[in-house]
Amino acid sequence: MALGVNGEARAKETTGGEKDPNSGGNTVYLSPGIQAAITPNWSAELSYQHAVYHNLNGAQLGESYKVTGGVTHLF
């Protein structure tokens, strides 16, 4: 089991040389997850990231959650 806090910072998008005022901002996630050793050299992980704070620019929708996963091989 794992528990973490992570964040995401996005810059404003530029279209035709103009910055979009409804883009960019910051989000903080609380991220519980699991990790499993499959073999001594392989592991897998799965994390649910729940947004606990949004500071978004202008009118835009923020993400409520993300689910991420991965597989790791150690050399």
PDB file of N, CA and C in Angstrom:
ATOM      1  N   MET A   1       0.852  -1.180   0.000  1.00  0.00           N
ATOM      2  CA  MET A   1       0.000   0.000   0.000  1.00  0.00           C
ATOM      3  C   MET A   1       0.893   1.237   0.000  1.00  0.00           C
ATOM      4  N   ALA A   2       0.377   2.283  -0.595  1.00  0.00           N
ATOM      5  CA  ALA A   2       1.116   3.538  -0.665  1.00  0.00           C
ATOM      6  C   ALA A   2       0.126   4.692  -0.549  1.00  0.00           C
ATOM      7  N   LEU A   3       0.595   5.820  -0.049  1.00  0.00           N
ATOM      8  CA  LEU A   3      -0.214   7.029   0.019  1.00  0.00           C
ATOM      9  C   LEU A   3       0.690   8.203  -0.303  1.00  0.00           C
ATOM     10  N   GLY A   4       0.233   9.049  -1.197  1.00  0.00           N
ATOM     11  CA  GLY A   4       1.056  10.191  -1.587  1.00  0.00           C
ATOM     12  C   GLY A   4       0.215  11.407  -1.890  1.00  0.00           C
ATOM     13  N   VAL A   5       0.884  12.530  -1.992  1.00  0.00           N
ATOM     14  CA  VAL A   5       0.276  13.775  -2.433  1.00  0.00           C
ATOM     15  C   VAL A   5       1.108  14.242  -3.617  1.00  0.00           C
ATOM     16  N   ASN A   6       0.446  14.514  -4.724  1.00  0.00           N
ATOM     17  CA  ASN A   6       1.180  15.003  -5.882  1.00  0.00           C
ATOM     18  C   ASN A   6       0.375  16.099  -6.558  1.00  0.00           C
ATOM     19  N   GLY A   7       1.007  16.819  -7.444  1.00  0.00           N
ATOM     20  CA  GLY A   7       0.337  17.943  -8.074  1.00  0.00           C
ATOM     21  C   GLY A   7       0.674  18.057  -9.537  1.00  0.00           C
ATOM     22  N   GLU A   8      -0.069  18.944 -10.180  1.00  0.00           N
ATOM     23  CA  GLU A   8       0.118  19.181 -11.594  1.00  0.00           C
ATOM     24  C   GLU A   8       0.021  20.684 -11.839  1.00  0.00           C
ATOM     25  N   ALA A   9       0.976  21.223 -12.551  1.00  0.00           N
ATOM     26  CA  ALA A   9       0.966  22.643 -12.926  1.00  0.00           C
ATOM     27  C   ALA A   9       0.919  22.718 -14.441  1.00  0.00           C
ATOM     28  N   ARG A  10      -0.051  23.466 -14.954  1.00  0.00           N
ATOM     29  CA  ARG A  10      -0.192  23.612 -16.401  1.00  0.00           C
ATOM     30  C   ARG A  10      -0.042  25.080 -16.780  1.00  0.00           C
ATOM     31  N   ALA A  11       0.750  25.327 -17.811  1.00  0.00           N
ATOM     32  CA  ALA A  11       0.910  26.690 -18.330  1.00  0.00           C
ATOM     33  C   ALA A  11      -0.304  27.044 -19.188  1.00  0.00           C
ATOM     34  N   LYS A  12      -0.505  28.324 -19.413  1.00  0.00           N
ATOM     35  CA  LYS A  12      -1.587  28.755 -20.298  1.00  0.00           C
ATOM     36  C   LYS A  12      -1.274  28.322 -21.727  1.00  0.00           C
ATOM     37  N   GLU A  13      -2.304  27.894 -22.439  1.00  0.00           N
ATOM     38  CA  GLU A  13      -2.145  27.508 -23.837  1.00  0.00           C
ATOM     39  C   GLU A  13      -2.109  28.749 -24.711  1.00  0.00           C
ATOM     40  N   THR A  14      -1.373  28.657 -25.817  1.00  0.00           N
ATOM     41  CA  THR A  14      -1.261  29.763 -26.757  1.00  0.00           C
ATOM     42  C   THR A  14      -1.854  29.345 -28.094  1.00  0.00           C
ATOM     43  N   THR A  15      -2.752  30.167 -28.620  1.00  0.00           N
ATOM     44  CA  THR A  15      -3.362  29.920 -29.924  1.00  0.00           C
ATOM     45  C   THR A  15      -3.222  31.179 -30.769  1.00  0.00           C
ATOM     46  N   GLY A  16      -2.595  31.058 -31.906  1.00  0.00           N
ATOM     47  CA  GLY A  16      -2.405  32.213 -32.780  1.00  0.00           C
ATOM     48  C   GLY A  16      -1.620  33.331 -32.121  1.00  0.00           C
ATOM     49  N   GLY A  17      -0.686  32.987 -31.249  1.00  0.00           N
ATOM     50  CA  GLY A  17       0.125  33.986 -30.571  1.00  0.00           C
ATOM     51  C   GLY A  17      -0.535  34.615 -29.357  1.00  0.00           C
ATOM     52  N   GLU A  18      -1.780  34.247 -29.069  1.00  0.00           N
ATOM     53  CA  GLU A  18      -2.513  34.796 -27.921  1.00  0.00           C
ATOM     54  C   GLU A  18      -2.659  33.732 -26.841  1.00  0.00           C
ATOM     55  N   LYS A  19      -2.422  34.110 -25.582  1.00  0.00           N
ATOM     56  CA  LYS A  19      -2.616  33.178 -24.471  1.00  0.00           C
ATOM     57  C   LYS A  19      -4.096  33.066 -24.151  1.00  0.00           C
ATOM     58  N   ASP A  20      -4.545  31.821 -23.978  1.00  0.00           N
ATOM     59  CA  ASP A  20      -5.951  31.553 -23.648  1.00  0.00           C
ATOM     60  C   ASP A  20      -6.153  31.793 -22.157  1.00  0.00           C
ATOM     61  N   PRO A  21      -7.001  32.761 -21.766  1.00  0.00           N
ATOM     62  CA  PRO A  21      -7.213  33.039 -20.344  1.00  0.00           C
ATOM     63  C   PRO A  21      -7.952  31.920 -19.621  1.00  0.00           C
ATOM     64  N   ASN A  22      -8.563  31.009 -20.364  1.00  0.00           N
ATOM     65  CA  ASN A  22      -9.292  29.882 -19.774  1.00  0.00           C
ATOM     66  C   ASN A  22      -8.475  28.598 -19.852  1.00  0.00           C
ATOM     67  N   SER A  23      -7.204  28.712 -19.597  1.00  0.00           N
ATOM     68  CA  SER A  23      -6.329  27.549 -19.591  1.00  0.00           C
ATOM     69  C   SER A  23      -5.267  27.732 -18.514  1.00  0.00           C
ATOM     70  N   GLY A  24      -4.625  26.644 -18.163  1.00  0.00           N
ATOM     71  CA  GLY A  24      -3.561  26.684 -17.167  1.00  0.00           C
ATOM     72  C   GLY A  24      -4.091  26.665 -15.753  1.00  0.00           C
ATOM     73  N   GLY A  25      -3.196  26.405 -14.821  1.00  0.00           N
ATOM     74  CA  GLY A  25      -3.546  26.384 -13.404  1.00  0.00           C
ATOM     75  C   GLY A  25      -2.884  25.224 -12.693  1.00  0.00           C
ATOM     76  N   ASN A  26      -3.323  24.992 -11.464  1.00  0.00           N
ATOM     77  CA  ASN A  26      -2.719  23.973 -10.606  1.00  0.00           C
ATOM     78  C   ASN A  26      -3.787  23.068 -10.004  1.00  0.00           C
ATOM     79  N   THR A  27      -3.441  21.803  -9.826  1.00  0.00           N
ATOM     80  CA  THR A  27      -4.305  20.840  -9.155  1.00  0.00           C
ATOM     81  C   THR A  27      -3.443  20.007  -8.218  1.00  0.00           C
ATOM     82  N   VAL A  28      -3.957  19.724  -7.016  1.00  0.00           N
ATOM     83  CA  VAL A  28      -3.276  18.868  -6.047  1.00  0.00           C
ATOM     84  C   VAL A  28      -4.133  17.617  -5.854  1.00  0.00           C
ATOM     85  N   TYR A  29      -3.476  16.457  -5.846  1.00  0.00           N
ATOM     86  CA  TYR A  29      -4.154  15.174  -5.721  1.00  0.00           C
ATOM     87  C   TYR A  29      -3.689  14.426  -4.466  1.00  0.00           C
ATOM     88  N   LEU A  30      -4.623  13.732  -3.819  1.00  0.00           N
ATOM     89  CA  LEU A  30      -4.313  12.750  -2.784  1.00  0.00           C
ATOM     90  C   LEU A  30      -4.330  11.403  -3.488  1.00  0.00           C
ATOM     91  N   SER A  31      -3.261  10.619  -3.326  1.00  0.00           N
ATOM     92  CA  SER A  31      -3.066   9.452  -4.190  1.00  0.00           C
ATOM     93  C   SER A  31      -2.776   8.168  -3.424  1.00  0.00           C
ATOM     94  N   PRO A  32      -3.827   7.437  -3.029  1.00  0.00           N
ATOM     95  CA  PRO A  32      -3.579   6.103  -2.479  1.00  0.00           C
ATOM     96  C   PRO A  32      -3.299   5.125  -3.620  1.00  0.00           C
ATOM     97  N   GLY A  33      -2.501   4.100  -3.343  1.00  0.00           N
ATOM     98  CA  GLY A  33      -2.186   3.149  -4.397  1.00  0.00           C
ATOM     99  C   GLY A  33      -1.673   1.835  -3.844  1.00  0.00           C
ATOM    100  N   ILE A  34      -1.466   0.904  -4.754  1.00  0.00           N
ATOM    101  CA  ILE A  34      -0.906  -0.396  -4.386  1.00  0.00           C
ATOM    102  C   ILE A  34       0.259  -0.699  -5.313  1.00  0.00           C
ATOM    103  N   GLN A  35       1.212  -1.457  -4.779  1.00  0.00           N
ATOM    104  CA  GLN A  35       2.357  -1.912  -5.556  1.00  0.00           C
ATOM    105  C   GLN A  35       2.528  -3.395  -5.273  1.00  0.00           C
ATOM    106  N   ALA A  36       2.861  -4.155  -6.295  1.00  0.00           N
ATOM    107  CA  ALA A  36       3.045  -5.591  -6.120  1.00  0.00           C
ATOM    108  C   ALA A  36       4.308  -6.036  -6.837  1.00  0.00           C
ATOM    109  N   ALA A  37       5.132  -6.816  -6.134  1.00  0.00           N
ATOM    110  CA  ALA A  37       6.314  -7.413  -6.748  1.00  0.00           C
ATOM    111  C   ALA A  37       5.865  -8.695  -7.439  1.00  0.00           C
ATOM    112  N   ILE A  38       6.062  -8.758  -8.751  1.00  0.00           N
ATOM    113  CA  ILE A  38       5.656  -9.935  -9.514  1.00  0.00           C
ATOM    114  C   ILE A  38       6.767 -10.980  -9.489  1.00  0.00           C
ATOM    115  N   THR A  39       7.978 -10.542  -9.739  1.00  0.00           N
ATOM    116  CA  THR A  39       9.189 -11.356  -9.633  1.00  0.00           C
ATOM    117  C   THR A  39      10.241 -10.438  -9.013  1.00  0.00           C
ATOM    118  N   PRO A  40      11.435 -10.924  -8.747  1.00  0.00           N
ATOM    119  CA  PRO A  40      12.453 -10.023  -8.203  1.00  0.00           C
ATOM    120  C   PRO A  40      12.772  -8.826  -9.111  1.00  0.00           C
ATOM    121  N   ASN A  41      12.555  -8.954 -10.428  1.00  0.00           N
ATOM    122  CA  ASN A  41      12.886  -7.876 -11.355  1.00  0.00           C
ATOM    123  C   ASN A  41      11.677  -7.117 -11.897  1.00  0.00           C
ATOM    124  N   TRP A  42      10.469  -7.573 -11.615  1.00  0.00           N
ATOM    125  CA  TRP A  42       9.262  -6.944 -12.160  1.00  0.00           C
ATOM    126  C   TRP A  42       8.314  -6.552 -11.040  1.00  0.00           C
ATOM    127  N   SER A  43       7.691  -5.381 -11.192  1.00  0.00           N
ATOM    128  CA  SER A  43       6.658  -4.957 -10.244  1.00  0.00           C
ATOM    129  C   SER A  43       5.571  -4.215 -11.015  1.00  0.00           C
ATOM    130  N   ALA A  44       4.400  -4.117 -10.397  1.00  0.00           N
ATOM    131  CA  ALA A  44       3.274  -3.407 -11.005  1.00  0.00           C
ATOM    132  C   ALA A  44       2.693  -2.472  -9.960  1.00  0.00           C
ATOM    133  N   GLU A  45       2.138  -1.347 -10.418  1.00  0.00           N
ATOM    134  CA  GLU A  45       1.552  -0.392  -9.493  1.00  0.00           C
ATOM    135  C   GLU A  45       0.263   0.171 -10.079  1.00  0.00           C
ATOM    136  N   LEU A  46      -0.655   0.539  -9.186  1.00  0.00           N
ATOM    137  CA  LEU A  46      -1.930   1.132  -9.557  1.00  0.00           C
ATOM    138  C   LEU A  46      -2.227   2.222  -8.536  1.00  0.00           C
ATOM    139  N   SER A  47      -2.614   3.405  -9.017  1.00  0.00           N
ATOM    140  CA  SER A  47      -2.853   4.547  -8.132  1.00  0.00           C
ATOM    141  C   SER A  47      -4.142   5.255  -8.531  1.00  0.00           C
ATOM    142  N   TYR A  48      -4.926   5.627  -7.535  1.00  0.00           N
ATOM    143  CA  TYR A  48      -6.119   6.441  -7.726  1.00  0.00           C
ATOM    144  C   TYR A  48      -5.770   7.837  -7.219  1.00  0.00           C
ATOM    145  N   GLN A  49      -5.875   8.846  -8.065  1.00  0.00           N
ATOM    146  CA  GLN A  49      -5.517  10.212  -7.689  1.00  0.00           C
ATOM    147  C   GLN A  49      -6.798  11.037  -7.587  1.00  0.00           C
ATOM    148  N   HIS A  50      -7.152  11.445  -6.375  1.00  0.00           N
ATOM    149  CA  HIS A  50      -8.362  12.224  -6.129  1.00  0.00           C
ATOM    150  C   HIS A  50      -7.989  13.695  -5.952  1.00  0.00           C
ATOM    151  N   ALA A  51      -8.575  14.578  -6.780  1.00  0.00           N
ATOM    152  CA  ALA A  51      -8.273  16.004  -6.711  1.00  0.00           C
ATOM    153  C   ALA A  51      -8.817  16.586  -5.406  1.00  0.00           C
ATOM    154  N   VAL A  52      -7.934  17.222  -4.633  1.00  0.00           N
ATOM    155  CA  VAL A  52      -8.348  17.842  -3.370  1.00  0.00           C
ATOM    156  C   VAL A  52      -8.242  19.364  -3.422  1.00  0.00           C
ATOM    157  N   TYR A  53      -7.609  19.908  -4.479  1.00  0.00           N
ATOM    158  CA  TYR A  53      -7.462  21.361  -4.603  1.00  0.00           C
ATOM    159  C   TYR A  53      -7.308  21.728  -6.071  1.00  0.00           C
ATOM    160  N   HIS A  54      -8.071  22.719  -6.516  1.00  0.00           N
ATOM    161  CA  HIS A  54      -7.953  23.265  -7.873  1.00  0.00           C
ATOM    162  C   HIS A  54      -7.697  24.762  -7.780  1.00  0.00           C
ATOM    163  N   ASN A  55      -6.765  25.253  -8.572  1.00  0.00           N
ATOM    164  CA  ASN A  55      -6.551  26.689  -8.761  1.00  0.00           C
ATOM    165  C   ASN A  55      -6.398  26.884 -10.268  1.00  0.00           C
ATOM    166  N   LEU A  56      -7.547  26.874 -10.971  1.00  0.00           N
ATOM    167  CA  LEU A  56      -7.542  26.925 -12.428  1.00  0.00           C
ATOM    168  C   LEU A  56      -7.836  28.337 -12.904  1.00  0.00           C
ATOM    169  N   ASN A  57      -7.259  28.701 -14.035  1.00  0.00           N
ATOM    170  CA  ASN A  57      -7.454  30.030 -14.608  1.00  0.00           C
ATOM    171  C   ASN A  57      -8.735  30.080 -15.438  1.00  0.00           C
ATOM    172  N   GLY A  58      -9.536  31.112 -15.243  1.00  0.00           N
ATOM    173  CA  GLY A  58     -10.721  31.327 -16.074  1.00  0.00           C
ATOM    174  C   GLY A  58     -11.782  30.262 -15.888  1.00  0.00           C
ATOM    175  N   ALA A  59     -12.586  30.077 -16.934  1.00  0.00           N
ATOM    176  CA  ALA A  59     -13.684  29.106 -16.926  1.00  0.00           C
ATOM    177  C   ALA A  59     -13.227  27.823 -17.599  1.00  0.00           C
ATOM    178  N   GLN A  60     -12.958  26.800 -16.812  1.00  0.00           N
ATOM    179  CA  GLN A  60     -12.575  25.506 -17.343  1.00  0.00           C
ATOM    180  C   GLN A  60     -12.946  24.421 -16.348  1.00  0.00           C
ATOM    181  N   LEU A  61     -13.112  23.213 -16.850  1.00  0.00           N
ATOM    182  CA  LEU A  61     -13.454  22.087 -15.996  1.00  0.00           C
ATOM    183  C   LEU A  61     -12.180  21.487 -15.425  1.00  0.00           C
ATOM    184  N   GLY A  62     -12.213  21.149 -14.150  1.00  0.00           N
ATOM    185  CA  GLY A  62     -11.086  20.476 -13.526  1.00  0.00           C
ATOM    186  C   GLY A  62     -11.368  18.993 -13.418  1.00  0.00           C
ATOM    187  N   GLU A  63     -10.327  18.211 -13.333  1.00  0.00           N
ATOM    188  CA  GLU A  63     -10.478  16.771 -13.192  1.00  0.00           C
ATOM    189  C   GLU A  63     -10.808  16.432 -11.748  1.00  0.00           C
ATOM    190  N   SER A  64     -11.743  15.507 -11.555  1.00  0.00           N
ATOM    191  CA  SER A  64     -12.089  15.046 -10.217  1.00  0.00           C
ATOM    192  C   SER A  64     -11.131  13.955  -9.751  1.00  0.00           C
ATOM    193  N   TYR A  65     -10.717  13.114 -10.680  1.00  0.00           N
ATOM    194  CA  TYR A  65      -9.826  12.012 -10.329  1.00  0.00           C
ATOM    195  C   TYR A  65      -9.088  11.520 -11.568  1.00  0.00           C
ATOM    196  N   LYS A  66      -8.048  10.738 -11.306  1.00  0.00           N
ATOM    197  CA  LYS A  66      -7.278  10.042 -12.351  1.00  0.00           C
ATOM    198  C   LYS A  66      -6.960   8.669 -11.802  1.00  0.00           C
ATOM    199  N   VAL A  67      -6.820   7.713 -12.678  1.00  0.00           N
ATOM    200  CA  VAL A  67      -6.324   6.390 -12.318  1.00  0.00           C
ATOM    201  C   VAL A  67      -5.109   6.121 -13.197  1.00  0.00           C
ATOM    202  N   THR A  68      -4.010   5.775 -12.570  1.00  0.00           N
ATOM    203  CA  THR A  68      -2.793   5.495 -13.321  1.00  0.00           C
ATOM    204  C   THR A  68      -2.249   4.131 -12.925  1.00  0.00           C
ATOM    205  N   GLY A  69      -1.530   3.530 -13.815  1.00  0.00           N
ATOM    206  CA  GLY A  69      -0.915   2.242 -13.542  1.00  0.00           C
ATOM    207  C   GLY A  69       0.390   2.129 -14.283  1.00  0.00           C
ATOM    208  N   GLY A  70       1.180   1.175 -13.877  1.00  0.00           N
ATOM    209  CA  GLY A  70       2.453   0.990 -14.549  1.00  0.00           C
ATOM    210  C   GLY A  70       3.093  -0.336 -14.202  1.00  0.00           C
ATOM    211  N   VAL A  71       4.049  -0.693 -15.011  1.00  0.00           N
ATOM    212  CA  VAL A  71       4.846  -1.903 -14.808  1.00  0.00           C
ATOM    213  C   VAL A  71       6.299  -1.481 -14.844  1.00  0.00           C
ATOM    214  N   THR A  72       7.089  -1.984 -13.900  1.00  0.00           N
ATOM    215  CA  THR A  72       8.507  -1.615 -13.802  1.00  0.00           C
ATOM    216  C   THR A  72       9.384  -2.859 -13.916  1.00  0.00           C
ATOM    217  N   HIS A  73      10.457  -2.742 -14.689  1.00  0.00           N
ATOM    218  CA  HIS A  73      11.463  -3.818 -14.783  1.00  0.00           C
ATOM    219  C   HIS A  73      12.791  -3.257 -14.290  1.00  0.00           C
ATOM    220  N   LEU A  74      13.392  -3.930 -13.336  1.00  0.00           N
ATOM    221  CA  LEU A  74      14.698  -3.528 -12.793  1.00  0.00           C
ATOM    222  C   LEU A  74      15.792  -4.282 -13.521  1.00  0.00           C
ATOM    223  N   PHE A  75      16.819  -3.552 -13.972  1.00  0.00           N
ATOM    224  CA  PHE A  75      17.939  -4.170 -14.676  1.00  0.00           C
ATOM    225  C   PHE A  75      19.066  -4.445 -13.736  1.00  0.00           C
TER     226      PHE A  75
END
